[in-house]
N, C-alpha and C. Protein backbone atom coordinates (compact mmCIF):
# COMPACT_ATOMS: atom_id res chain seq x y z
N UNK A 1 -11.71 -65.51 14.26
CA UNK A 1 -11.63 -64.44 13.52
C UNK A 1 -12.10 -64.46 11.76
N UNK A 2 -12.26 -63.09 11.87
CA UNK A 2 -12.90 -62.72 10.37
C UNK A 2 -12.23 -63.44 9.44
N UNK A 3 -12.74 -63.68 8.19
CA UNK A 3 -11.84 -64.02 6.73
C UNK A 3 -11.09 -62.91 6.95
N UNK A 4 -11.69 -61.61 7.28
CA UNK A 4 -10.44 -60.58 6.12
C UNK A 4 -9.06 -60.81 7.25
N UNK A 5 -9.08 -60.40 8.08
CA UNK A 5 -8.38 -61.36 9.26
C UNK A 5 -6.79 -61.81 8.81
N UNK A 6 -7.34 -62.94 8.18
CA UNK A 6 -6.42 -64.10 8.02
C UNK A 6 -5.78 -63.53 6.57
N UNK A 7 -6.12 -62.28 6.07
CA UNK A 7 -5.69 -62.22 4.35
C UNK A 7 -4.65 -60.73 5.14
N UNK A 8 -4.72 -60.27 6.06
CA UNK A 8 -4.05 -59.02 6.36
C UNK A 8 -2.77 -59.02 6.37
N UNK A 9 -1.91 -58.13 5.58
CA UNK A 9 -0.30 -58.27 5.24
C UNK A 9 0.43 -58.18 6.97
N UNK A 10 1.45 -59.10 7.08
CA UNK A 10 2.67 -59.38 7.95
C UNK A 10 3.53 -59.05 7.70
N UNK A 11 4.21 -58.11 8.12
CA UNK A 11 5.45 -57.81 7.71
C UNK A 11 6.73 -59.31 8.19
N UNK A 12 7.45 -60.20 7.30
CA UNK A 12 8.30 -60.64 7.35
C UNK A 12 10.12 -60.20 7.21
N UNK A 13 10.02 -59.97 6.12
CA UNK A 13 11.50 -59.15 5.99
C UNK A 13 11.76 -57.81 5.94
N UNK A 14 12.76 -57.69 5.60
CA UNK A 14 13.51 -56.15 6.03
C UNK A 14 14.78 -56.34 4.89
N UNK A 15 15.08 -55.76 3.80
CA UNK A 15 16.29 -55.85 3.10
C UNK A 15 16.77 -55.43 1.95
N UNK A 16 17.42 -55.92 1.10
CA UNK A 16 17.63 -54.75 -0.06
C UNK A 16 16.86 -55.40 -0.91
N UNK A 17 17.03 -55.30 -2.47
CA UNK A 17 16.18 -55.37 -3.01
C UNK A 17 16.51 -56.96 -3.93
N UNK A 18 17.64 -57.00 -3.60
CA UNK A 18 18.32 -58.45 -4.26
C UNK A 18 17.50 -59.42 -3.75
N UNK A 19 18.09 -58.70 -2.18
CA UNK A 19 17.55 -60.12 -1.22
C UNK A 19 15.94 -60.39 -0.85
N UNK A 20 15.29 -59.19 -0.83
CA UNK A 20 13.92 -59.69 -0.88
C UNK A 20 13.28 -60.18 -2.45
N UNK A 21 13.97 -59.99 -3.81
CA UNK A 21 13.85 -60.67 -4.87
C UNK A 21 14.11 -62.38 -4.60
N UNK A 22 15.20 -63.03 -3.51
CA UNK A 22 15.34 -64.03 -3.84
C UNK A 22 14.37 -64.60 -2.88
N UNK A 23 14.03 -64.12 -1.69
CA UNK A 23 13.19 -64.33 -0.88
C UNK A 23 11.91 -64.55 -1.46
N UNK A 24 11.21 -63.46 -1.97
CA UNK A 24 9.97 -63.25 -3.06
C UNK A 24 10.00 -64.86 -3.76
N UNK A 25 11.32 -65.38 -4.04
CA UNK A 25 10.97 -66.53 -5.24
C UNK A 25 10.89 -67.83 -4.08
N UNK A 26 11.48 -67.47 -2.97
CA UNK A 26 11.18 -69.16 -2.00
C UNK A 26 9.89 -68.36 -1.70
N UNK A 27 9.23 -68.14 -1.25
CA UNK A 27 7.70 -67.82 -0.66
C UNK A 27 7.05 -68.31 -1.76
N UNK A 28 7.39 -67.55 -3.40
CA UNK A 28 6.33 -68.19 -4.13
C UNK A 28 6.69 -69.15 -5.00
N UNK A 29 7.86 -69.91 -4.57
CA UNK A 29 8.08 -71.68 -4.19
C UNK A 29 7.51 -72.72 -3.41
N UNK A 30 6.85 -72.09 -2.50
CA UNK A 30 6.51 -72.68 -1.82
C UNK A 30 4.50 -71.60 -1.48
N UNK A 31 3.93 -71.56 -2.46
CA UNK A 31 2.43 -71.09 -2.45
C UNK A 31 2.72 -70.15 -1.27
N UNK A 32 3.49 -69.28 -1.14
CA UNK A 32 3.11 -68.36 -0.08
C UNK A 32 2.57 -66.80 -1.06
N UNK A 33 1.30 -66.26 -1.05
CA UNK A 33 1.93 -65.13 -1.92
C UNK A 33 2.37 -63.91 -1.19
N UNK A 34 2.79 -63.22 -1.58
CA UNK A 34 3.54 -62.01 -0.59
C UNK A 34 3.45 -60.77 -1.63
N UNK A 35 3.73 -59.90 -0.99
CA UNK A 35 3.88 -58.36 -1.71
C UNK A 35 5.21 -57.70 -1.46
N UNK A 36 5.68 -56.80 -1.93
CA UNK A 36 6.67 -55.77 -1.26
C UNK A 36 6.49 -54.39 -1.20
N UNK A 37 7.42 -53.90 -0.29
CA UNK A 37 7.03 -52.20 -0.08
C UNK A 37 8.86 -52.02 -0.43
N UNK A 38 8.53 -50.59 -1.68
CA UNK A 38 9.78 -50.12 -1.88
C UNK A 38 9.88 -48.93 -1.23
N UNK A 39 10.67 -48.47 -0.12
CA UNK A 39 10.83 -47.23 0.28
C UNK A 39 11.33 -46.01 -0.51
N UNK A 40 12.36 -46.57 -1.73
CA UNK A 40 12.32 -45.59 -2.21
C UNK A 40 11.92 -45.09 -3.49
N UNK A 41 10.47 -46.01 -3.64
CA UNK A 41 9.97 -45.47 -4.92
C UNK A 41 8.44 -44.07 -4.04
N UNK A 42 8.90 -44.02 -3.13
CA UNK A 42 7.88 -42.73 -2.28
C UNK A 42 7.48 -41.64 -2.92
N UNK A 43 6.77 -40.90 -3.10
CA UNK A 43 6.54 -39.67 -4.25
C UNK A 43 7.33 -38.56 -3.49
N UNK A 44 7.88 -38.54 -2.34
CA UNK A 44 8.61 -37.46 -1.87
C UNK A 44 10.32 -37.87 -1.54
N UNK A 45 10.52 -38.90 -2.17
CA UNK A 45 12.13 -39.25 -2.23
C UNK A 45 12.58 -38.92 -3.88
N UNK A 46 12.72 -37.84 -3.94
CA UNK A 46 13.00 -37.36 -5.33
C UNK A 46 14.46 -37.38 -5.88
N UNK A 47 15.33 -38.29 -5.00
CA UNK A 47 16.43 -38.98 -5.75
C UNK A 47 16.88 -40.03 -5.33
N UNK A 48 17.42 -41.01 -6.15
CA UNK A 48 17.46 -42.57 -6.19
C UNK A 48 18.65 -42.14 -5.29
N UNK A 49 18.54 -43.43 -4.21
CA UNK A 49 18.86 -44.20 -2.67
C UNK A 49 19.50 -45.35 -3.47
N UNK A 50 20.81 -45.47 -3.26
CA UNK A 50 21.71 -46.91 -3.48
C UNK A 50 20.97 -47.91 -2.88
N UNK A 51 20.78 -47.74 -1.25
CA UNK A 51 20.67 -49.16 -0.50
C UNK A 51 19.46 -48.77 -0.04
N UNK A 52 18.26 -48.85 -0.71
CA UNK A 52 16.73 -48.80 -0.51
C UNK A 52 16.73 -49.96 -0.17
N UNK A 53 15.40 -49.99 1.02
CA UNK A 53 15.12 -50.88 1.94
C UNK A 53 13.84 -51.51 0.88
N UNK A 54 13.76 -52.92 1.02
CA UNK A 54 12.54 -53.38 0.67
C UNK A 54 11.94 -54.53 1.68
N UNK A 55 10.71 -54.13 2.03
CA UNK A 55 10.02 -54.69 3.10
C UNK A 55 9.14 -55.81 2.18
N UNK A 56 8.60 -57.17 2.66
CA UNK A 56 7.84 -58.60 2.61
C UNK A 56 7.09 -58.58 3.22
N UNK A 57 5.88 -58.54 2.74
CA UNK A 57 4.65 -58.68 3.39
C UNK A 57 4.10 -60.39 3.03
N UNK A 58 3.49 -60.97 3.73
CA UNK A 58 2.52 -62.10 3.66
C UNK A 58 1.32 -62.11 4.33
N UNK A 59 0.22 -62.76 4.16
CA UNK A 59 -0.97 -62.93 4.42
C UNK A 59 -0.65 -62.95 6.06
N UNK A 60 -1.65 -62.83 6.91
CA UNK A 60 -1.63 -63.55 8.28
C UNK A 60 -1.49 -65.21 7.97
N UNK A 61 -2.62 -65.79 7.34
CA UNK A 61 -2.82 -66.82 6.99
C UNK A 61 -1.57 -68.02 7.00
N UNK A 62 -0.47 -67.03 6.52
CA UNK A 62 0.47 -67.94 6.22
C UNK A 62 2.25 -67.31 6.75
N UNK A 63 1.66 -66.52 8.03
CA UNK A 63 2.66 -65.65 8.49
C UNK A 63 3.33 -66.56 8.91
N UNK A 64 3.09 -68.04 9.70
CA UNK A 64 4.17 -68.77 10.20
C UNK A 64 5.15 -69.59 9.75
N UNK A 65 4.44 -70.11 8.55
CA UNK A 65 5.27 -70.53 7.70
C UNK A 65 6.29 -70.06 6.53
N UNK A 66 5.59 -68.70 6.75
CA UNK A 66 7.28 -67.73 6.34
C UNK A 66 8.07 -67.44 6.93
N UNK A 67 7.79 -67.13 8.27
CA UNK A 67 8.71 -67.55 9.30
C UNK A 67 9.50 -68.28 9.11
N UNK A 68 9.24 -69.48 9.10
CA UNK A 68 9.97 -70.40 9.35
C UNK A 68 10.64 -70.28 8.03
N UNK A 69 10.66 -70.04 6.82
CA UNK A 69 11.28 -70.29 5.94
C UNK A 69 12.49 -68.85 5.89
N UNK A 70 11.71 -67.50 6.36
CA UNK A 70 12.81 -66.52 6.16
C UNK A 70 13.90 -66.61 7.17
N UNK A 71 13.73 -67.38 8.29
CA UNK A 71 14.94 -67.71 9.36
C UNK A 71 15.36 -68.94 8.44
N UNK A 72 15.47 -69.49 7.47
CA UNK A 72 16.21 -70.35 7.09
C UNK A 72 16.83 -69.60 6.25
N UNK A 73 16.32 -68.53 5.86
CA UNK A 73 16.98 -67.54 4.14
C UNK A 73 17.87 -66.71 4.66
N UNK A 74 17.37 -66.11 5.94
CA UNK A 74 18.61 -65.43 6.92
C UNK A 74 19.73 -65.82 7.42
N UNK A 75 19.45 -67.42 7.87
CA UNK A 75 20.59 -67.75 8.09
C UNK A 75 22.21 -68.73 7.35
N UNK A 76 21.22 -68.60 5.97
CA UNK A 76 22.37 -69.24 5.16
C UNK A 76 22.06 -67.57 4.10
N UNK A 77 22.06 -66.74 3.95
CA UNK A 77 22.42 -65.62 3.92
C UNK A 77 23.82 -65.24 4.43
N UNK A 78 23.46 -65.28 5.88
CA UNK A 78 24.23 -65.30 6.76
C UNK A 78 25.73 -65.66 6.66
N UNK A 79 25.69 -67.55 6.05
CA UNK A 79 26.15 -68.24 6.12
C UNK A 79 27.43 -67.90 5.17
N UNK A 80 26.63 -67.30 3.70
CA UNK A 80 27.17 -67.12 2.59
C UNK A 80 28.14 -65.80 2.78
N UNK A 81 27.59 -64.80 3.19
CA UNK A 81 28.47 -63.24 3.65
C UNK A 81 29.44 -64.27 4.76
N UNK A 82 29.63 -65.17 5.22
CA UNK A 82 31.08 -65.38 6.00
C UNK A 82 31.71 -66.12 5.72
N UNK A 83 31.10 -66.66 4.08
CA UNK A 83 31.85 -67.58 3.46
C UNK A 83 33.06 -67.12 2.43
N UNK A 84 34.20 -67.05 2.23
CA UNK A 84 35.01 -65.74 1.49
C UNK A 84 36.23 -67.36 0.74
N UNK A 85 35.34 -67.72 -0.36
CA UNK A 85 36.07 -68.27 -1.46
C UNK A 85 38.02 -68.18 -1.17
N UNK A 86 38.34 -66.79 -1.18
CA UNK A 86 39.63 -66.71 -1.19
C UNK A 86 40.08 -67.22 0.22
N UNK A 87 40.44 -67.57 0.96
CA UNK A 87 40.34 -67.99 2.00
C UNK A 87 40.67 -69.57 2.27
N UNK A 88 40.58 -70.27 1.36
CA UNK A 88 40.43 -71.61 0.80
C UNK A 88 41.66 -71.95 0.02
N UNK A 89 42.49 -72.62 1.01
CA UNK A 89 43.68 -73.31 0.01
C UNK A 89 43.73 -74.62 -0.14
N UNK A 90 44.26 -74.77 -1.53
CA UNK A 90 44.16 -76.39 -1.57
C UNK A 90 44.65 -77.54 -1.13
């Protein structure tokens, strides 16, 4: 494998700006460099889109480690969405 192949970007997540921001923070904390691509900022999109999609990419060399973190992140987000504090009775 060439050295440049290790730095090739691989998509690991697609979601809202808020979710991508949280995930990127987790990746940063685990010393995994990452970048994002915001579809709402493409030049042909003249009107703001409320639910724009953000993609998060990591280098191929960190792909496996990042996927484990992404899986844990999405599972936690799913559990959080299922939890409704108003359903809890004292």
